[in-house]
Amino acid sequence: MRAITLSILVCGLMLWTTACNQPKQPPPPAHDPQEAATRALDTLKGLVTTENYKAMGFDSADEVKTAVLADPLSVYHIQLDQLRSFQPGSDPSKLLQDVGQRMYPVTASQQVKSSIVVVKDGDAWKEAKFGGPGLIRALSQARAKDQENSKSSGPYTLLQIPALNMYFLARQADGKLMLVPAIDDPANNFKAGVAVSAEEAMRSLVTAAQQYNGLPE
């Protein structure tokens, strides 16, 4: 049941709209992620309507007109097979794989509302996803709580374990990798916004990976 509950919760957080759903031709690839995100913000403003503004994270269709980009999160993944084979005492940071994505929070009315994901394609960058309001708000709240607790100013990256539907913010502290859970996960003793060392987190994550069979429990 834990796998079902966590999966449903994470799916509810995401609610992405992909670039292929655009009503017009997408902009050309950009030379850097900031340029791609800036173009994508214009696309987002065209995507939000009176019918979908809530699903996209806004309080009204007009609110998106004032939307701006915040600082991005570089996206890293840990693959299931690597997690299963992780040995205690090893460096957990070596599991992180840069997947060539940046997630940009989109703010309006001085609040995080939605997000844009851009992806590297060869030597260029292009828009990939829009929305995910629940996830980006959860990440923003987790970051704010961690900053309040630890007085950390980052920088933060986004760490995803796709097979387990898990999302963390990752940062360094005194030379150690720290993970900040985006949502509560009682089964693994993770609390949203409460940082745990990657070494400690791996004890639960490796067990979860070894027990995972890809099927609902």
N, C-alpha and C. Protein backbone atom coordinates (compact mmCIF):
# COMPACT_ATOMS: atom_id res chain seq x y z
N MET A 1 0.82 -1.21 0.00
CA MET A 1 0.00 0.00 0.00
C MET A 1 0.85 1.26 0.00
N ARG A 2 2.06 1.22 0.64
CA ARG A 2 2.88 2.42 0.66
C ARG A 2 3.25 2.86 -0.74
N ALA A 3 3.58 1.89 -1.61
CA ALA A 3 3.97 2.24 -2.98
C ALA A 3 2.82 2.87 -3.72
N ILE A 4 1.59 2.35 -3.52
CA ILE A 4 0.42 2.92 -4.19
C ILE A 4 0.15 4.33 -3.70
N THR A 5 0.18 4.52 -2.37
CA THR A 5 -0.12 5.83 -1.80
C THR A 5 0.88 6.87 -2.24
N LEU A 6 2.17 6.53 -2.19
CA LEU A 6 3.21 7.47 -2.57
C LEU A 6 3.12 7.80 -4.05
N SER A 7 2.84 6.80 -4.88
CA SER A 7 2.72 7.02 -6.31
C SER A 7 1.56 7.95 -6.63
N ILE A 8 0.41 7.72 -5.99
CA ILE A 8 -0.75 8.58 -6.22
C ILE A 8 -0.46 10.01 -5.80
N LEU A 9 0.21 10.16 -4.64
CA LEU A 9 0.53 11.49 -4.15
C LEU A 9 1.45 12.23 -5.09
N VAL A 10 2.49 11.57 -5.57
CA VAL A 10 3.44 12.22 -6.47
C VAL A 10 2.79 12.56 -7.80
N CYS A 11 1.96 11.63 -8.31
CA CYS A 11 1.26 11.92 -9.57
C CYS A 11 0.37 13.14 -9.42
N GLY A 12 -0.26 13.27 -8.26
CA GLY A 12 -1.09 14.43 -8.01
C GLY A 12 -0.30 15.72 -7.91
N LEU A 13 0.97 15.61 -7.53
CA LEU A 13 1.81 16.79 -7.43
C LEU A 13 2.23 17.31 -8.79
N MET A 14 2.26 16.46 -9.81
CA MET A 14 2.92 16.83 -11.05
C MET A 14 2.01 17.52 -12.05
N LEU A 15 1.10 16.80 -12.70
CA LEU A 15 0.15 17.39 -13.65
C LEU A 15 0.84 18.26 -14.70
N TRP A 16 1.73 17.61 -15.47
CA TRP A 16 2.49 18.34 -16.48
C TRP A 16 1.68 18.54 -17.76
N THR A 17 1.97 19.61 -18.45
CA THR A 17 1.58 19.80 -19.85
C THR A 17 2.86 19.78 -20.66
N THR A 18 2.91 18.97 -21.70
CA THR A 18 4.13 18.86 -22.50
C THR A 18 4.12 19.87 -23.64
N ALA A 19 5.31 20.10 -24.15
CA ALA A 19 5.45 21.07 -25.23
C ALA A 19 4.65 20.66 -26.46
N CYS A 20 4.44 19.36 -26.65
CA CYS A 20 3.74 18.91 -27.85
C CYS A 20 2.25 19.27 -27.80
N ASN A 21 1.75 19.70 -26.64
CA ASN A 21 0.35 20.10 -26.54
C ASN A 21 0.12 21.56 -26.91
N GLN A 22 1.16 22.23 -27.29
CA GLN A 22 1.03 23.64 -27.63
C GLN A 22 0.16 23.83 -28.87
N PRO A 23 -0.61 24.94 -28.88
CA PRO A 23 -1.44 25.20 -30.04
C PRO A 23 -0.67 25.82 -31.20
N LYS A 24 0.60 26.18 -30.96
CA LYS A 24 1.37 26.81 -32.02
C LYS A 24 2.74 26.16 -32.10
N GLN A 25 3.47 26.52 -33.14
CA GLN A 25 4.80 25.96 -33.35
C GLN A 25 5.73 26.34 -32.20
N PRO A 26 6.44 25.37 -31.58
CA PRO A 26 7.34 25.71 -30.48
C PRO A 26 8.50 26.55 -30.98
N PRO A 27 9.12 27.35 -30.08
CA PRO A 27 10.25 28.17 -30.49
C PRO A 27 11.45 27.31 -30.83
N PRO A 28 12.40 27.85 -31.58
CA PRO A 28 13.58 27.07 -31.94
C PRO A 28 14.45 26.79 -30.73
N PRO A 29 15.30 25.76 -30.79
CA PRO A 29 16.21 25.47 -29.68
C PRO A 29 17.09 26.67 -29.37
N ALA A 30 17.44 26.79 -28.10
CA ALA A 30 18.26 27.91 -27.64
C ALA A 30 19.67 27.43 -27.34
N HIS A 31 20.59 28.39 -27.20
CA HIS A 31 21.99 28.06 -26.96
C HIS A 31 22.28 27.79 -25.48
N ASP A 32 21.41 28.25 -24.59
CA ASP A 32 21.62 28.01 -23.17
C ASP A 32 20.26 27.85 -22.49
N PRO A 33 20.22 27.26 -21.28
CA PRO A 33 18.94 26.97 -20.64
C PRO A 33 18.13 28.22 -20.29
N GLN A 34 18.81 29.31 -19.93
CA GLN A 34 18.08 30.53 -19.58
C GLN A 34 17.32 31.07 -20.78
N GLU A 35 17.96 31.05 -21.93
CA GLU A 35 17.30 31.52 -23.15
C GLU A 35 16.10 30.64 -23.47
N ALA A 36 16.27 29.33 -23.34
CA ALA A 36 15.17 28.40 -23.61
C ALA A 36 14.02 28.63 -22.64
N ALA A 37 14.34 28.85 -21.37
CA ALA A 37 13.31 29.07 -20.36
C ALA A 37 12.57 30.38 -20.59
N THR A 38 13.29 31.41 -21.00
CA THR A 38 12.66 32.69 -21.28
C THR A 38 11.67 32.57 -22.43
N ARG A 39 12.06 31.86 -23.45
CA ARG A 39 11.13 31.61 -24.56
C ARG A 39 9.96 30.76 -24.10
N ALA A 40 10.25 29.77 -23.27
CA ALA A 40 9.19 28.88 -22.79
C ALA A 40 8.18 29.61 -21.92
N LEU A 41 8.64 30.64 -21.21
CA LEU A 41 7.70 31.41 -20.41
C LEU A 41 6.66 32.09 -21.29
N ASP A 42 7.08 32.59 -22.43
CA ASP A 42 6.12 33.16 -23.38
C ASP A 42 5.14 32.09 -23.86
N THR A 43 5.66 30.88 -24.09
CA THR A 43 4.79 29.78 -24.49
C THR A 43 3.78 29.45 -23.40
N LEU A 44 4.25 29.41 -22.15
CA LEU A 44 3.36 29.13 -21.02
C LEU A 44 2.23 30.14 -20.95
N LYS A 45 2.55 31.40 -21.16
CA LYS A 45 1.53 32.44 -21.09
C LYS A 45 0.46 32.23 -22.16
N GLY A 46 0.85 31.60 -23.28
CA GLY A 46 -0.12 31.29 -24.31
C GLY A 46 -0.91 30.02 -24.04
N LEU A 47 -0.34 29.15 -23.20
CA LEU A 47 -1.01 27.89 -22.89
C LEU A 47 -2.11 28.04 -21.85
N VAL A 48 -1.95 28.97 -20.93
CA VAL A 48 -2.89 29.12 -19.82
C VAL A 48 -4.18 29.78 -20.32
N THR A 49 -5.30 29.15 -20.02
CA THR A 49 -6.61 29.64 -20.45
C THR A 49 -7.55 29.69 -19.26
N THR A 50 -8.75 30.18 -19.51
CA THR A 50 -9.77 30.22 -18.44
C THR A 50 -10.22 28.83 -18.04
N GLU A 51 -9.94 27.84 -18.88
CA GLU A 51 -10.32 26.47 -18.56
C GLU A 51 -9.25 25.72 -17.77
N ASN A 52 -7.97 26.06 -17.94
CA ASN A 52 -6.91 25.24 -17.33
C ASN A 52 -6.03 25.99 -16.34
N TYR A 53 -6.34 27.25 -16.03
CA TYR A 53 -5.42 28.03 -15.20
C TYR A 53 -5.20 27.42 -13.82
N LYS A 54 -6.22 26.80 -13.24
CA LYS A 54 -6.04 26.18 -11.93
C LYS A 54 -5.11 24.98 -12.01
N ALA A 55 -5.31 24.15 -13.03
CA ALA A 55 -4.46 22.97 -13.19
C ALA A 55 -3.01 23.36 -13.45
N MET A 56 -2.80 24.54 -14.05
CA MET A 56 -1.45 25.01 -14.32
C MET A 56 -0.85 25.75 -13.13
N GLY A 57 -1.65 25.97 -12.07
CA GLY A 57 -1.12 26.52 -10.83
C GLY A 57 -1.46 27.97 -10.55
N PHE A 58 -2.27 28.60 -11.39
CA PHE A 58 -2.54 30.02 -11.23
C PHE A 58 -3.93 30.27 -10.63
N ASP A 59 -4.08 31.45 -10.04
CA ASP A 59 -5.35 31.82 -9.42
C ASP A 59 -6.34 32.39 -10.42
N SER A 60 -5.85 32.77 -11.57
CA SER A 60 -6.71 33.26 -12.64
C SER A 60 -5.94 33.17 -13.95
N ALA A 61 -6.66 33.26 -15.04
CA ALA A 61 -6.00 33.21 -16.35
C ALA A 61 -5.14 34.45 -16.56
N ASP A 62 -5.52 35.56 -15.97
CA ASP A 62 -4.76 36.81 -16.14
C ASP A 62 -3.48 36.83 -15.32
N GLU A 63 -3.45 36.05 -14.24
CA GLU A 63 -2.28 36.09 -13.36
C GLU A 63 -1.01 35.69 -14.08
N VAL A 64 -1.12 34.77 -15.04
CA VAL A 64 0.06 34.30 -15.74
C VAL A 64 0.75 35.42 -16.52
N LYS A 65 0.01 36.48 -16.83
CA LYS A 65 0.60 37.59 -17.59
C LYS A 65 1.72 38.27 -16.81
N THR A 66 1.70 38.16 -15.48
CA THR A 66 2.73 38.80 -14.65
C THR A 66 3.81 37.81 -14.22
N ALA A 67 3.76 36.58 -14.72
CA ALA A 67 4.67 35.53 -14.28
C ALA A 67 6.11 35.82 -14.70
N VAL A 68 7.04 35.45 -13.82
CA VAL A 68 8.47 35.59 -14.10
C VAL A 68 9.17 34.31 -13.67
N LEU A 69 10.39 34.14 -14.15
CA LEU A 69 11.18 32.96 -13.81
C LEU A 69 12.00 33.19 -12.54
N ALA A 70 12.11 32.16 -11.72
CA ALA A 70 13.02 32.18 -10.58
C ALA A 70 14.25 31.33 -10.91
N ASP A 71 15.18 31.27 -9.98
CA ASP A 71 16.43 30.53 -10.22
C ASP A 71 16.13 29.05 -10.45
N PRO A 72 16.79 28.43 -11.41
CA PRO A 72 16.50 27.04 -11.77
C PRO A 72 17.16 26.02 -10.86
N LEU A 73 16.65 24.81 -10.94
CA LEU A 73 17.25 23.65 -10.30
C LEU A 73 17.79 22.73 -11.38
N SER A 74 19.06 22.38 -11.31
CA SER A 74 19.59 21.34 -12.19
C SER A 74 19.03 20.00 -11.74
N VAL A 75 18.68 19.15 -12.68
CA VAL A 75 17.99 17.90 -12.37
C VAL A 75 18.96 16.72 -12.48
N TYR A 76 18.96 15.92 -11.42
CA TYR A 76 19.78 14.71 -11.38
C TYR A 76 18.88 13.51 -11.08
N HIS A 77 19.27 12.35 -11.59
CA HIS A 77 18.56 11.11 -11.34
C HIS A 77 19.46 10.10 -10.65
N ILE A 78 18.84 9.19 -9.89
CA ILE A 78 19.50 7.96 -9.45
C ILE A 78 18.71 6.81 -10.04
N GLN A 79 19.37 5.95 -10.79
CA GLN A 79 18.70 4.82 -11.42
C GLN A 79 18.56 3.66 -10.43
N LEU A 80 17.52 2.88 -10.63
CA LEU A 80 17.18 1.82 -9.70
C LEU A 80 18.29 0.78 -9.56
N ASP A 81 18.88 0.37 -10.68
CA ASP A 81 19.91 -0.67 -10.61
C ASP A 81 21.14 -0.20 -9.85
N GLN A 82 21.49 1.08 -10.03
CA GLN A 82 22.64 1.62 -9.30
C GLN A 82 22.35 1.70 -7.80
N LEU A 83 21.12 2.06 -7.47
CA LEU A 83 20.75 2.16 -6.06
C LEU A 83 20.76 0.79 -5.40
N ARG A 84 20.29 -0.21 -6.13
CA ARG A 84 20.26 -1.57 -5.58
C ARG A 84 21.67 -2.10 -5.28
N SER A 85 22.63 -1.68 -6.07
CA SER A 85 23.99 -2.20 -5.91
C SER A 85 24.87 -1.31 -5.04
N PHE A 86 24.30 -0.25 -4.48
CA PHE A 86 25.09 0.68 -3.67
C PHE A 86 25.59 -0.02 -2.40
N GLN A 87 26.85 0.20 -2.10
CA GLN A 87 27.47 -0.41 -0.94
C GLN A 87 27.66 0.62 0.17
N PRO A 88 27.29 0.26 1.42
CA PRO A 88 27.52 1.18 2.55
C PRO A 88 28.98 1.61 2.61
N GLY A 89 29.20 2.89 2.88
CA GLY A 89 30.55 3.42 2.93
C GLY A 89 31.01 4.02 1.62
N SER A 90 30.28 3.74 0.54
CA SER A 90 30.61 4.34 -0.76
C SER A 90 30.13 5.79 -0.80
N ASP A 91 30.64 6.54 -1.75
CA ASP A 91 30.26 7.94 -1.91
C ASP A 91 28.91 8.03 -2.61
N PRO A 92 27.83 8.46 -1.91
CA PRO A 92 26.51 8.49 -2.55
C PRO A 92 26.42 9.50 -3.68
N SER A 93 27.27 10.52 -3.67
CA SER A 93 27.19 11.53 -4.72
C SER A 93 27.53 10.96 -6.09
N LYS A 94 28.25 9.83 -6.10
CA LYS A 94 28.60 9.22 -7.38
C LYS A 94 27.41 8.56 -8.06
N LEU A 95 26.31 8.39 -7.33
CA LEU A 95 25.10 7.82 -7.93
C LEU A 95 24.33 8.84 -8.77
N LEU A 96 24.57 10.11 -8.50
CA LEU A 96 23.79 11.17 -9.16
C LEU A 96 24.21 11.32 -10.62
N GLN A 97 23.23 11.29 -11.50
CA GLN A 97 23.46 11.45 -12.93
C GLN A 97 22.79 12.73 -13.43
N ASP A 98 23.58 13.61 -14.01
CA ASP A 98 23.03 14.83 -14.61
C ASP A 98 22.27 14.44 -15.88
N VAL A 99 20.95 14.71 -15.91
CA VAL A 99 20.13 14.28 -17.05
C VAL A 99 19.91 15.41 -18.05
N GLY A 100 20.65 16.51 -17.88
CA GLY A 100 20.55 17.58 -18.87
C GLY A 100 19.23 18.30 -18.86
N GLN A 101 18.69 18.54 -17.67
CA GLN A 101 17.43 19.27 -17.53
C GLN A 101 17.58 20.38 -16.49
N ARG A 102 16.79 21.43 -16.66
CA ARG A 102 16.70 22.49 -15.66
C ARG A 102 15.21 22.74 -15.38
N MET A 103 14.87 22.81 -14.10
CA MET A 103 13.50 23.14 -13.72
C MET A 103 13.48 24.57 -13.19
N TYR A 104 12.67 25.40 -13.83
CA TYR A 104 12.54 26.81 -13.44
C TYR A 104 11.22 27.03 -12.72
N PRO A 105 11.26 27.45 -11.45
CA PRO A 105 10.01 27.88 -10.82
C PRO A 105 9.46 29.11 -11.53
N VAL A 106 8.15 29.17 -11.63
CA VAL A 106 7.47 30.33 -12.22
C VAL A 106 6.70 31.01 -11.11
N THR A 107 6.98 32.28 -10.88
CA THR A 107 6.35 33.01 -9.79
C THR A 107 5.42 34.09 -10.32
N ALA A 108 4.39 34.36 -9.54
CA ALA A 108 3.46 35.45 -9.81
C ALA A 108 2.84 35.84 -8.47
N SER A 109 2.51 37.09 -8.32
CA SER A 109 1.96 37.59 -7.05
C SER A 109 2.88 37.21 -5.89
N GLN A 110 4.19 37.22 -6.16
CA GLN A 110 5.24 36.95 -5.17
C GLN A 110 5.16 35.55 -4.57
N GLN A 111 4.58 34.60 -5.34
CA GLN A 111 4.47 33.23 -4.89
C GLN A 111 4.84 32.29 -6.04
N VAL A 112 5.38 31.12 -5.67
CA VAL A 112 5.65 30.10 -6.68
C VAL A 112 4.33 29.50 -7.13
N LYS A 113 4.09 29.51 -8.42
CA LYS A 113 2.82 29.06 -8.97
C LYS A 113 2.95 27.80 -9.82
N SER A 114 3.98 27.76 -10.64
CA SER A 114 4.09 26.69 -11.63
C SER A 114 5.57 26.49 -11.95
N SER A 115 5.84 25.75 -13.00
CA SER A 115 7.24 25.53 -13.38
C SER A 115 7.38 25.25 -14.86
N ILE A 116 8.61 25.40 -15.31
CA ILE A 116 8.98 25.09 -16.69
C ILE A 116 10.22 24.20 -16.64
N VAL A 117 10.22 23.15 -17.41
CA VAL A 117 11.40 22.28 -17.53
C VAL A 117 11.95 22.41 -18.95
N VAL A 118 13.25 22.71 -19.04
CA VAL A 118 13.91 22.72 -20.34
C VAL A 118 14.94 21.60 -20.35
N VAL A 119 15.20 21.08 -21.53
CA VAL A 119 16.05 19.91 -21.66
C VAL A 119 17.14 20.16 -22.70
N LYS A 120 18.32 19.61 -22.45
CA LYS A 120 19.42 19.74 -23.40
C LYS A 120 19.25 18.72 -24.51
N ASP A 121 19.38 19.19 -25.74
CA ASP A 121 19.23 18.34 -26.92
C ASP A 121 20.44 18.59 -27.82
N GLY A 122 21.46 17.75 -27.66
CA GLY A 122 22.69 18.00 -28.39
C GLY A 122 23.40 19.21 -27.81
N ASP A 123 23.65 20.20 -28.64
CA ASP A 123 24.30 21.43 -28.19
C ASP A 123 23.29 22.53 -27.88
N ALA A 124 22.01 22.22 -27.97
CA ALA A 124 20.97 23.23 -27.77
C ALA A 124 20.07 22.86 -26.60
N TRP A 125 19.21 23.80 -26.23
CA TRP A 125 18.23 23.60 -25.17
C TRP A 125 16.85 23.89 -25.72
N LYS A 126 15.85 23.15 -25.23
CA LYS A 126 14.49 23.37 -25.69
C LYS A 126 13.51 23.12 -24.55
N GLU A 127 12.33 23.71 -24.68
CA GLU A 127 11.28 23.53 -23.68
C GLU A 127 10.77 22.09 -23.71
N ALA A 128 10.37 21.58 -22.55
CA ALA A 128 9.91 20.20 -22.49
C ALA A 128 8.58 20.06 -21.75
N LYS A 129 8.47 20.68 -20.57
CA LYS A 129 7.26 20.52 -19.77
C LYS A 129 6.85 21.84 -19.14
N PHE A 130 5.54 21.95 -18.90
CA PHE A 130 4.97 23.12 -18.24
C PHE A 130 4.02 22.64 -17.14
N GLY A 131 3.97 23.39 -16.05
CA GLY A 131 3.01 23.05 -15.01
C GLY A 131 3.70 22.44 -13.81
N GLY A 132 3.20 21.25 -13.39
CA GLY A 132 3.73 20.62 -12.19
C GLY A 132 3.63 21.52 -10.97
N PRO A 133 2.50 22.21 -10.77
CA PRO A 133 2.42 23.19 -9.67
C PRO A 133 2.58 22.56 -8.30
N GLY A 134 2.01 21.38 -8.08
CA GLY A 134 2.11 20.74 -6.78
C GLY A 134 3.54 20.40 -6.43
N LEU A 135 4.28 19.88 -7.41
CA LEU A 135 5.67 19.49 -7.17
C LEU A 135 6.54 20.70 -6.89
N ILE A 136 6.46 21.73 -7.71
CA ILE A 136 7.35 22.87 -7.51
C ILE A 136 7.02 23.60 -6.22
N ARG A 137 5.75 23.62 -5.82
CA ARG A 137 5.41 24.24 -4.54
C ARG A 137 5.94 23.41 -3.38
N ALA A 138 5.84 22.08 -3.50
CA ALA A 138 6.39 21.22 -2.46
C ALA A 138 7.90 21.41 -2.34
N LEU A 139 8.58 21.51 -3.46
CA LEU A 139 10.02 21.73 -3.45
C LEU A 139 10.36 23.10 -2.85
N SER A 140 9.58 24.11 -3.19
CA SER A 140 9.83 25.45 -2.67
C SER A 140 9.60 25.51 -1.17
N GLN A 141 8.55 24.85 -0.70
CA GLN A 141 8.28 24.81 0.73
C GLN A 141 9.36 24.04 1.48
N ALA A 142 9.81 22.93 0.87
CA ALA A 142 10.87 22.14 1.50
C ALA A 142 12.17 22.96 1.58
N ARG A 143 12.44 23.70 0.54
CA ARG A 143 13.65 24.54 0.52
C ARG A 143 13.56 25.61 1.60
N ALA A 144 12.41 26.27 1.70
CA ALA A 144 12.25 27.33 2.70
C ALA A 144 12.41 26.77 4.12
N LYS A 145 11.84 25.59 4.36
CA LYS A 145 11.96 24.98 5.68
C LYS A 145 13.39 24.60 5.99
N ASP A 146 14.08 24.04 4.99
CA ASP A 146 15.48 23.66 5.20
C ASP A 146 16.34 24.88 5.45
N GLN A 147 16.09 25.96 4.72
CA GLN A 147 16.87 27.19 4.92
C GLN A 147 16.64 27.76 6.30
N GLU A 148 15.40 27.66 6.77
CA GLU A 148 15.10 28.16 8.11
C GLU A 148 15.78 27.31 9.18
N ASN A 149 15.78 26.00 8.98
CA ASN A 149 16.35 25.09 9.98
C ASN A 149 17.87 25.11 10.00
N SER A 150 18.47 25.18 8.79
CA SER A 150 19.92 25.02 8.69
C SER A 150 20.66 26.31 8.39
N LYS A 151 19.91 27.35 8.07
CA LYS A 151 20.50 28.62 7.64
C LYS A 151 21.31 28.46 6.36
N SER A 152 20.99 27.42 5.59
CA SER A 152 21.69 27.18 4.34
C SER A 152 21.17 28.10 3.25
N SER A 153 22.07 28.55 2.41
CA SER A 153 21.67 29.36 1.26
C SER A 153 21.83 28.59 -0.04
N GLY A 154 22.13 27.29 0.09
CA GLY A 154 22.28 26.47 -1.12
C GLY A 154 23.70 26.50 -1.63
N PRO A 155 23.90 26.28 -2.93
CA PRO A 155 22.86 26.04 -3.94
C PRO A 155 22.23 24.66 -3.83
N TYR A 156 21.03 24.55 -4.36
CA TYR A 156 20.29 23.30 -4.35
C TYR A 156 20.18 22.75 -5.77
N THR A 157 20.10 21.43 -5.85
CA THR A 157 19.75 20.75 -7.09
C THR A 157 18.56 19.85 -6.82
N LEU A 158 17.91 19.40 -7.87
CA LEU A 158 16.77 18.50 -7.75
C LEU A 158 17.24 17.08 -8.02
N LEU A 159 16.98 16.19 -7.07
CA LEU A 159 17.32 14.79 -7.22
C LEU A 159 16.04 13.97 -7.30
N GLN A 160 15.92 13.20 -8.36
CA GLN A 160 14.75 12.34 -8.56
C GLN A 160 15.20 10.88 -8.65
N ILE A 161 14.43 10.01 -7.98
CA ILE A 161 14.59 8.57 -8.16
C ILE A 161 13.33 8.11 -8.88
N PRO A 162 13.36 8.07 -10.22
CA PRO A 162 12.13 7.86 -11.00
C PRO A 162 11.37 6.59 -10.63
N ALA A 163 12.07 5.48 -10.46
CA ALA A 163 11.39 4.21 -10.21
C ALA A 163 10.61 4.22 -8.90
N LEU A 164 11.09 5.00 -7.93
CA LEU A 164 10.46 5.03 -6.61
C LEU A 164 9.57 6.25 -6.41
N ASN A 165 9.43 7.09 -7.44
CA ASN A 165 8.63 8.31 -7.34
C ASN A 165 9.07 9.17 -6.16
N MET A 166 10.36 9.36 -6.01
CA MET A 166 10.89 10.15 -4.91
C MET A 166 11.61 11.39 -5.42
N TYR A 167 11.40 12.50 -4.71
CA TYR A 167 12.01 13.77 -5.08
C TYR A 167 12.68 14.38 -3.85
N PHE A 168 13.91 14.85 -4.05
CA PHE A 168 14.67 15.51 -3.00
C PHE A 168 15.33 16.76 -3.56
N LEU A 169 15.57 17.72 -2.67
CA LEU A 169 16.54 18.76 -2.95
C LEU A 169 17.88 18.27 -2.41
N ALA A 170 18.93 18.53 -3.13
CA ALA A 170 20.26 18.11 -2.70
C ALA A 170 21.15 19.33 -2.54
N ARG A 171 21.97 19.32 -1.49
CA ARG A 171 22.92 20.40 -1.23
C ARG A 171 24.12 19.83 -0.49
N GLN A 172 25.18 20.62 -0.44
CA GLN A 172 26.37 20.24 0.29
C GLN A 172 26.42 20.95 1.63
N ALA A 173 26.92 20.24 2.64
CA ALA A 173 27.13 20.85 3.96
C ALA A 173 28.38 20.24 4.57
N ASP A 174 29.39 21.06 4.75
CA ASP A 174 30.66 20.58 5.32
C ASP A 174 31.22 19.41 4.54
N GLY A 175 31.10 19.47 3.23
CA GLY A 175 31.66 18.43 2.37
C GLY A 175 30.81 17.19 2.26
N LYS A 176 29.62 17.20 2.86
CA LYS A 176 28.73 16.04 2.78
C LYS A 176 27.48 16.37 1.97
N LEU A 177 27.00 15.37 1.25
CA LEU A 177 25.78 15.53 0.47
C LEU A 177 24.58 15.37 1.40
N MET A 178 23.70 16.36 1.39
CA MET A 178 22.48 16.34 2.20
C MET A 178 21.28 16.26 1.27
N LEU A 179 20.28 15.50 1.67
CA LEU A 179 19.05 15.37 0.90
C LEU A 179 17.88 15.93 1.70
N VAL A 180 17.06 16.74 1.03
CA VAL A 180 15.90 17.36 1.66
C VAL A 180 14.65 16.80 0.97
N PRO A 181 13.88 15.95 1.64
CA PRO A 181 12.70 15.36 1.00
C PRO A 181 11.66 16.42 0.62
N ALA A 182 11.03 16.21 -0.53
CA ALA A 182 9.99 17.13 -0.98
C ALA A 182 8.66 16.86 -0.30
N ILE A 183 8.40 15.60 0.05
CA ILE A 183 7.14 15.23 0.70
C ILE A 183 7.42 14.28 1.85
N ASP A 184 6.47 14.18 2.76
CA ASP A 184 6.58 13.23 3.86
C ASP A 184 6.54 11.80 3.33
N ASP A 185 7.39 10.95 3.89
CA ASP A 185 7.41 9.53 3.55
C ASP A 185 7.67 8.76 4.84
N PRO A 186 6.60 8.50 5.63
CA PRO A 186 6.78 7.85 6.93
C PRO A 186 7.46 6.50 6.84
N ALA A 187 7.23 5.76 5.77
CA ALA A 187 7.82 4.43 5.65
C ALA A 187 9.35 4.48 5.66
N ASN A 188 9.91 5.56 5.15
CA ASN A 188 11.35 5.72 5.12
C ASN A 188 11.84 6.75 6.13
N ASN A 189 10.92 7.21 6.98
CA ASN A 189 11.25 8.19 8.01
C ASN A 189 11.78 9.50 7.42
N PHE A 190 11.23 9.90 6.26
CA PHE A 190 11.57 11.17 5.63
C PHE A 190 10.47 12.19 5.94
N LYS A 191 10.89 13.38 6.34
CA LYS A 191 9.95 14.46 6.59
C LYS A 191 10.23 15.60 5.62
N ALA A 192 9.20 16.12 5.01
CA ALA A 192 9.36 17.19 4.02
C ALA A 192 10.11 18.37 4.63
N GLY A 193 11.17 18.78 3.96
CA GLY A 193 11.93 19.94 4.39
C GLY A 193 12.95 19.69 5.48
N VAL A 194 13.04 18.46 5.96
CA VAL A 194 14.00 18.12 7.02
C VAL A 194 15.17 17.36 6.39
N ALA A 195 16.32 17.98 6.35
CA ALA A 195 17.49 17.42 5.67
C ALA A 195 18.02 16.19 6.40
N VAL A 196 18.50 15.26 5.62
CA VAL A 196 19.15 14.06 6.15
C VAL A 196 20.39 13.81 5.29
N SER A 197 21.44 13.32 5.91
CA SER A 197 22.65 13.05 5.12
C SER A 197 22.35 11.97 4.09
N ALA A 198 22.98 12.08 2.94
CA ALA A 198 22.76 11.09 1.88
C ALA A 198 23.18 9.71 2.36
N GLU A 199 24.21 9.64 3.18
CA GLU A 199 24.66 8.34 3.70
C GLU A 199 23.56 7.69 4.52
N GLU A 200 22.89 8.48 5.37
CA GLU A 200 21.81 7.94 6.18
C GLU A 200 20.61 7.58 5.32
N ALA A 201 20.28 8.46 4.37
CA ALA A 201 19.12 8.22 3.50
C ALA A 201 19.29 6.93 2.70
N MET A 202 20.54 6.63 2.32
CA MET A 202 20.78 5.46 1.49
C MET A 202 20.37 4.15 2.17
N ARG A 203 20.40 4.13 3.49
CA ARG A 203 19.99 2.91 4.19
C ARG A 203 18.55 2.55 3.85
N SER A 204 17.68 3.56 3.86
CA SER A 204 16.27 3.32 3.52
C SER A 204 16.08 3.18 2.02
N LEU A 205 16.78 3.99 1.24
CA LEU A 205 16.59 3.99 -0.20
C LEU A 205 17.05 2.68 -0.83
N VAL A 206 18.17 2.15 -0.36
CA VAL A 206 18.67 0.88 -0.91
C VAL A 206 17.68 -0.24 -0.60
N THR A 207 17.16 -0.25 0.63
CA THR A 207 16.17 -1.27 1.00
C THR A 207 14.93 -1.15 0.14
N ALA A 208 14.45 0.09 -0.05
CA ALA A 208 13.26 0.30 -0.89
C ALA A 208 13.51 -0.14 -2.32
N ALA A 209 14.70 0.12 -2.84
CA ALA A 209 15.03 -0.26 -4.21
C ALA A 209 15.11 -1.77 -4.36
N GLN A 210 15.67 -2.44 -3.36
CA GLN A 210 15.80 -3.90 -3.42
C GLN A 210 14.44 -4.59 -3.31
N GLN A 211 13.52 -3.98 -2.59
CA GLN A 211 12.20 -4.56 -2.40
C GLN A 211 11.25 -4.22 -3.55
N TYR A 212 11.58 -3.22 -4.34
CA TYR A 212 10.68 -2.77 -5.40
C TYR A 212 10.68 -3.75 -6.56
N ASN A 213 9.48 -4.15 -7.00
CA ASN A 213 9.37 -5.08 -8.13
C ASN A 213 8.64 -4.48 -9.32
N GLY A 214 8.36 -3.19 -9.25
CA GLY A 214 7.69 -2.53 -10.37
C GLY A 214 6.19 -2.70 -10.39
N LEU A 215 5.65 -3.42 -9.41
CA LEU A 215 4.22 -3.69 -9.38
C LEU A 215 3.59 -3.06 -8.14
N PRO A 216 2.31 -2.69 -8.22
CA PRO A 216 1.63 -2.18 -7.02
C PRO A 216 1.64 -3.21 -5.91
N GLU A 217 1.81 -2.70 -4.68
CA GLU A 217 1.80 -3.60 -3.54
C GLU A 217 0.37 -3.83 -3.03
